[in-house]
Protein backbone atom coordinates (compact mmCIF):
# COMPACT_ATOMS: atom_id res chain seq x y z
CA UNK A 1 0.00 0.00 0.00
CA UNK A 2 2.90 2.38 0.72
CA UNK A 3 6.67 2.32 0.60
CA UNK A 4 6.63 4.01 4.03
CA UNK A 5 4.76 1.19 5.79
CA UNK A 6 4.25 -2.55 5.89
CA UNK A 7 0.78 -3.84 6.82
CA UNK A 8 0.02 -7.29 8.21
CA UNK A 9 -3.45 -8.45 9.35
CA UNK A 10 -3.30 -10.08 12.79
CA UNK A 11 -6.97 -11.00 12.64
CA UNK A 12 -10.16 -9.64 11.09
CA UNK A 13 -10.37 -6.55 13.33
CA UNK A 14 -6.68 -5.96 14.05
CA UNK A 15 -3.82 -4.86 11.79
CA UNK A 16 -0.10 -4.56 12.50
CA UNK A 17 1.55 -1.56 10.79
CA UNK A 18 5.36 -1.31 10.68
CA UNK A 19 6.83 2.06 9.78
CA UNK A 20 10.01 3.12 8.00
CA UNK A 21 11.98 2.96 11.28
CA UNK A 22 10.85 -0.59 12.07
CA UNK A 23 8.39 0.29 14.87
CA UNK A 24 5.22 -1.82 15.04
CA UNK A 25 1.90 -0.20 15.90
CA UNK A 26 -1.68 -1.35 15.54
CA UNK A 27 -5.06 -0.47 14.02
CA UNK A 28 -8.12 -1.87 15.80
CA UNK A 29 -11.51 -1.84 14.07
CA UNK A 30 -14.77 -1.60 15.99
CA UNK A 31 -18.29 -1.40 14.62
CA UNK A 32 -18.54 2.40 15.02
CA UNK A 33 -14.94 3.62 15.32
CA UNK A 34 -11.35 2.54 14.84
CA UNK A 35 -8.34 3.14 17.07
CA UNK A 36 -4.66 3.50 16.25
CA UNK A 37 -2.52 2.24 19.08
CA UNK A 38 0.64 4.35 18.54
CA UNK A 39 1.61 6.12 15.31
CA UNK A 40 5.33 5.63 14.65
CA UNK A 41 7.95 8.22 13.68
CA UNK A 42 5.67 10.38 11.55
CA UNK A 43 7.02 9.69 8.04
CA UNK A 44 4.65 9.10 5.16
CA UNK A 45 0.89 9.61 4.92
CA UNK A 46 -0.40 7.42 7.73
CA UNK A 47 -3.86 8.96 7.49
CA UNK A 48 -4.14 7.88 3.83
CA UNK A 49 -2.97 4.37 4.71
CA UNK A 50 -5.57 4.06 7.46
CA UNK A 51 -8.28 5.33 5.11
CA UNK A 52 -7.38 2.52 2.71
CA UNK A 53 -7.92 0.03 5.54
CA UNK A 54 -11.14 1.47 7.01
CA UNK A 55 -13.72 4.25 6.43
CA UNK A 56 -14.41 4.45 10.18
CA UNK A 57 -13.59 7.56 12.22
CA UNK A 58 -10.25 7.04 13.97
CA UNK A 59 -9.13 7.72 17.53
CA UNK A 60 -5.43 7.63 18.45
CA UNK A 61 -4.01 6.26 21.70
CA UNK A 62 -0.31 7.02 22.18
CA UNK A 63 1.26 4.68 24.75
CA UNK A 64 4.14 7.09 25.51
CA UNK A 65 5.86 10.19 24.17
CA UNK A 66 8.95 8.77 22.49
CA UNK A 67 9.93 9.71 18.93
CA UNK A 68 9.13 6.27 17.51
CA UNK A 69 5.59 6.08 18.90
CA UNK A 70 3.98 9.52 18.96
CA UNK A 71 5.04 11.51 15.91
CA UNK A 72 2.30 10.44 13.50
CA UNK A 73 -0.49 11.59 15.83
CA UNK A 74 -0.76 15.03 14.21
CA UNK A 75 -2.45 13.52 11.15
CA UNK A 76 -5.61 12.67 13.13
CA UNK A 77 -8.34 14.69 14.82
CA UNK A 78 -8.52 12.99 18.21
CA UNK A 79 -5.44 11.73 20.04
CA UNK A 80 -4.80 10.82 23.69
CA UNK A 81 -1.53 10.68 25.66
CA UNK A 82 -0.59 10.87 29.33
CA UNK A 83 0.27 14.41 30.54
CA UNK A 84 3.17 12.84 32.46
CA UNK A 85 5.06 12.41 29.19
CA UNK A 86 4.89 16.05 28.11
CA UNK A 87 8.60 16.82 28.68
CA UNK A 88 9.69 13.64 26.87
CA UNK A 89 7.37 14.33 23.95
CA UNK A 90 8.56 17.91 23.57
CA UNK A 91 12.20 16.80 23.49
CA UNK A 92 11.54 13.97 21.03
CA UNK A 93 9.54 16.21 18.68
CA UNK A 94 12.69 18.10 17.66
CA UNK A 95 13.56 17.56 13.99
CA UNK A 96 17.15 16.53 14.75
CA UNK A 97 15.92 13.94 17.28
CA UNK A 98 13.50 12.48 14.75
CA UNK A 99 15.98 12.33 11.88
CA UNK A 100 18.71 10.89 14.10
CA UNK A 101 16.42 8.10 15.24
CA UNK A 102 15.18 7.31 11.73
CA UNK A 103 18.63 7.27 10.14
CA UNK A 104 19.86 4.92 12.85
CA UNK A 105 16.91 2.57 12.53
CA UNK A 106 18.25 0.38 9.70
CA UNK A 107 20.02 -1.74 12.32
CA UNK A 108 16.67 -2.27 14.03
CA UNK A 109 14.80 -3.59 10.99
CA UNK A 110 13.64 -0.35 9.41
CA UNK A 111 12.71 -0.07 5.73
CA UNK A 112 15.63 0.68 3.36
CA UNK A 113 14.53 4.23 2.59
CA UNK A 114 15.07 5.24 6.24
CA UNK A 115 18.61 6.31 5.43
CA UNK A 116 17.40 8.84 2.84
CA UNK A 117 14.68 10.51 4.95
CA UNK A 118 14.95 14.31 5.12
CA UNK A 119 13.12 16.97 7.10
CA UNK A 120 10.71 17.39 4.17
CA UNK A 121 9.51 13.79 4.72
CA UNK A 122 8.48 14.41 8.34
CA UNK A 123 4.86 15.01 9.21
CA UNK A 124 4.42 17.97 11.61
CA UNK A 125 4.46 16.91 15.25
CA UNK A 126 1.21 17.56 17.07
CA UNK A 127 1.43 20.37 19.67
CA UNK A 128 1.28 18.69 23.07
CA UNK A 129 -1.72 20.82 24.03
CA UNK A 130 -3.62 19.14 21.20
CA UNK A 131 -3.65 15.78 22.99
CA UNK A 132 -6.56 14.73 25.19
CA UNK A 133 -5.22 13.64 28.62
CA UNK A 134 -4.94 9.87 28.99
CA UNK A 135 -5.07 8.06 32.34
CA UNK A 136 -4.88 4.49 33.61
CA UNK A 137 -8.43 3.17 33.86
CA UNK A 138 -9.76 5.00 30.80
CA UNK A 139 -11.92 2.90 28.49
CA UNK A 140 -12.74 3.38 24.83
CA UNK A 141 -15.84 1.65 23.40
CA UNK A 142 -15.37 1.34 19.63
CA UNK A 143 -18.51 -0.72 19.13
CA UNK A 144 -18.24 -4.44 19.79
CA UNK A 145 -14.67 -4.04 20.98
CA UNK A 146 -13.18 -1.98 23.81
CA UNK A 147 -9.75 -0.75 24.83
CA UNK A 148 -8.90 -0.53 28.52
CA UNK A 149 -5.91 1.63 29.45
CA UNK A 150 -3.70 -0.21 31.95
CA UNK A 151 -0.60 0.77 33.89
CA UNK A 152 2.83 0.62 32.25
CA UNK A 153 4.95 3.25 34.01
CA UNK A 154 8.67 2.54 33.97
CA UNK A 155 10.00 3.05 30.46
CA UNK A 156 8.60 6.60 30.71
CA UNK A 157 6.62 8.30 33.52
CA UNK A 158 3.39 8.23 31.51
CA UNK A 159 3.81 4.93 29.68
CA UNK A 160 0.64 2.81 29.48
CA UNK A 161 -0.40 -0.59 28.19
CA UNK A 162 -3.71 -1.43 26.51
CA UNK A 163 -6.00 -4.41 27.04
CA UNK A 164 -8.49 -5.45 24.33
CA UNK A 165 -10.68 -7.91 26.26
CA UNK A 166 -12.84 -9.09 23.35
CA UNK A 167 -9.73 -10.13 21.40
CA UNK A 168 -7.97 -11.38 24.54
CA UNK A 169 -5.02 -9.22 23.53
CA UNK A 170 -2.65 -7.10 25.64
CA UNK A 171 -0.50 -4.44 23.99
CA UNK A 172 2.60 -4.25 26.17
CA UNK A 173 4.47 -2.11 23.64
CA UNK A 174 7.67 -0.72 25.14
CA UNK A 175 6.46 -1.19 28.71
CA UNK A 176 7.56 -4.83 28.98
CA UNK A 177 9.22 -6.77 26.18
CA UNK A 178 12.21 -8.65 24.75
CA UNK A 179 14.55 -5.73 25.47
CA UNK A 180 12.90 -3.30 27.89
CA UNK A 181 14.73 0.04 28.19
CA UNK A 182 14.84 1.14 31.81
CA UNK A 183 17.93 3.34 31.95
CA UNK A 184 17.04 6.88 30.87
CA UNK A 185 16.61 9.68 33.40
CA UNK A 186 12.81 9.57 33.13
CA UNK A 187 12.63 5.81 33.75
CA UNK A 188 11.67 4.15 37.01
CA UNK A 189 14.18 2.32 39.16
CA UNK A 190 14.16 -1.45 38.75
CA UNK A 191 12.50 -1.75 42.16
CA UNK A 192 9.66 0.63 41.21
CA UNK A 193 9.26 -1.05 37.86
CA UNK A 194 8.89 -4.50 39.42
CA UNK A 195 6.14 -3.15 41.67
CA UNK A 196 4.34 -1.82 38.58
CA UNK A 197 4.64 -5.17 36.80
CA UNK A 198 3.20 -6.99 39.82
CA UNK A 199 0.21 -4.66 39.80
CA UNK A 200 -0.21 -4.97 36.00
CA UNK A 201 -0.17 -8.75 36.27
CA UNK A 202 -2.83 -8.69 38.99
CA UNK A 203 -4.97 -6.35 36.88
CA UNK A 204 -4.76 -8.31 33.61
CA UNK A 205 -4.11 -11.93 34.62
CA UNK A 206 -6.47 -14.31 32.82
CA UNK A 207 -7.75 -11.57 30.48
CA UNK A 208 -5.50 -12.21 27.47
CA UNK A 209 -3.83 -14.91 25.41
CA UNK A 210 -1.94 -12.68 22.94
CA UNK A 211 0.79 -10.13 23.75
CA UNK A 212 1.88 -7.44 21.29
CA UNK A 213 5.15 -5.50 21.45
CA UNK A 214 6.44 -2.65 19.28
CA UNK A 215 10.01 -3.67 18.45
CA UNK A 216 11.89 -6.73 17.29
CA UNK A 217 11.47 -9.11 14.36
CA UNK A 218 7.94 -10.06 15.47
CA UNK A 219 5.17 -7.96 16.98
CA UNK A 220 3.71 -10.92 18.86
CA UNK A 221 5.49 -11.59 22.14
CA UNK A 222 5.36 -14.47 24.60
CA UNK A 223 2.06 -14.62 26.52
CA UNK A 224 4.04 -14.94 29.78
CA UNK A 225 6.17 -11.84 29.04
CA UNK A 226 5.14 -10.02 32.24
CA UNK A 227 6.14 -12.98 34.42
CA UNK A 228 9.46 -13.44 32.66
CA UNK A 229 10.44 -9.76 32.88
CA UNK A 230 9.45 -9.81 36.55
CA UNK A 231 11.91 -12.70 36.96
CA UNK A 232 14.63 -10.59 35.30
CA UNK A 233 13.92 -7.69 37.67
CA UNK A 234 14.20 -9.99 40.68
CA UNK A 235 17.52 -11.30 39.34
CA UNK A 236 18.76 -7.69 39.03
CA UNK A 237 17.76 -6.99 42.63
CA UNK A 238 19.63 -10.14 43.73
CA UNK A 239 22.67 -9.34 41.60
CA UNK A 240 22.19 -12.52 39.54
CA UNK A 241 22.76 -10.99 36.08
CA UNK A 242 25.13 -11.21 33.12
CA UNK A 243 25.43 -7.40 32.86
CA UNK A 244 26.31 -7.30 29.18
CA UNK A 245 27.65 -3.79 28.38
CA UNK A 246 25.40 -1.45 26.37
CA UNK A 247 25.32 2.25 25.47
CA UNK A 248 22.37 4.41 26.48
CA UNK A 249 20.66 7.15 24.46
CA UNK A 250 23.41 9.64 25.34
CA UNK A 251 26.35 7.23 25.23
CA UNK A 252 26.26 6.42 28.93
CA UNK A 253 27.28 2.86 29.91
CA UNK A 254 24.35 0.70 31.04
CA UNK A 255 23.79 -3.05 31.43
CA UNK A 256 21.74 -5.68 29.63
CA UNK A 257 20.61 -7.95 32.44
CA UNK A 258 20.65 -11.19 30.41
CA UNK A 259 23.21 -11.70 27.63
CA UNK A 260 21.78 -11.32 24.12
CA UNK A 261 22.60 -12.80 20.72
CA UNK A 262 21.93 -9.82 18.46
CA UNK A 263 22.03 -11.87 15.27
CA UNK A 264 18.75 -13.46 16.37
CA UNK A 265 17.68 -10.83 18.94
CA UNK A 266 17.23 -13.56 21.56
CA UNK A 267 18.67 -14.29 24.99
CA UNK A 268 21.72 -16.54 25.02
CA UNK A 269 20.16 -18.67 27.77
CA UNK A 270 16.96 -19.17 25.76
CA UNK A 271 14.85 -17.17 28.21
CA UNK A 272 12.13 -14.65 27.42
CA UNK A 273 12.19 -10.93 28.19
CA UNK A 274 15.04 -8.68 29.22
CA UNK A 275 15.82 -5.37 30.92
CA UNK A 276 18.48 -2.80 29.99
CA UNK A 277 19.16 -0.83 33.15
CA UNK A 278 21.38 1.69 34.89
CA UNK A 279 23.26 -0.05 37.73
CA UNK A 280 23.04 3.19 39.73
CA UNK A 281 19.24 3.20 39.56
CA UNK A 282 18.20 -0.20 40.90
CA UNK A 283 16.68 0.63 44.29
CA UNK A 284 14.92 3.64 45.76
CA UNK A 285 17.69 4.35 48.24
CA UNK A 286 20.07 4.90 45.32
CA UNK A 287 17.72 7.57 43.99
CA UNK A 288 17.63 9.24 47.38
CA UNK A 289 21.42 9.17 47.66
CA UNK A 290 21.69 10.87 44.28
CA UNK A 291 19.20 13.52 45.39
CA UNK A 292 16.50 12.63 42.87
């Protein structure tokens, strides 16, 4: 349909869209309305693509304010995002931030034309004041299918997950996945993050069979992803980790808890889920010692 996007039906009412930078996001069709769950980096005419897939009016739910999830939202009338991610969204809306991410995305499975993207190819970022405020507990009834906004804080302060009960599907996105980033300044400590995952598991347990994530070769993740990432967090708290070296967004040294084989994007030990973390931000007392 477009050389900016790849489209793959997951089932009759749910499509996976992968953008030029390799980020997966999702279009859910109800009887009265449709919903985009994230919008990618904002290259190409996403609105036109969605119109080719459905004539329904479209709502947009942005799970968090990062460059690879929120920048296509300006092409739609109604979009929701947590107010807690305002500062992150404003920083990531900068043209240089967007182009830097896109040009670097070829190593993450982006489409070949990513390397040639220029400022002229970027859709305008939506002013943050144009988002409706999104909160955990919000529900969207699209007609025959609903989206429940669930907790997901950790990767960013306002990060959320989304449960689609009728399809028994949980969009974990960047909140909990094969390679969860938990090292930037706006991220939770590992201890806080584990508490969030415990609460998310209690809230959603038994409500889904399918898990969707936004990065990696496949959008469908392991159904037990929450449990497995909780195990990784507990190993970090115990000091039982491989601590494979990694570079953060700004070049700072951080650790991959469980060693990875990047040729297959899998854990060396065959396990599921992982956490990339700052060893100085594991427990709350470390935060207090650093005056945060």
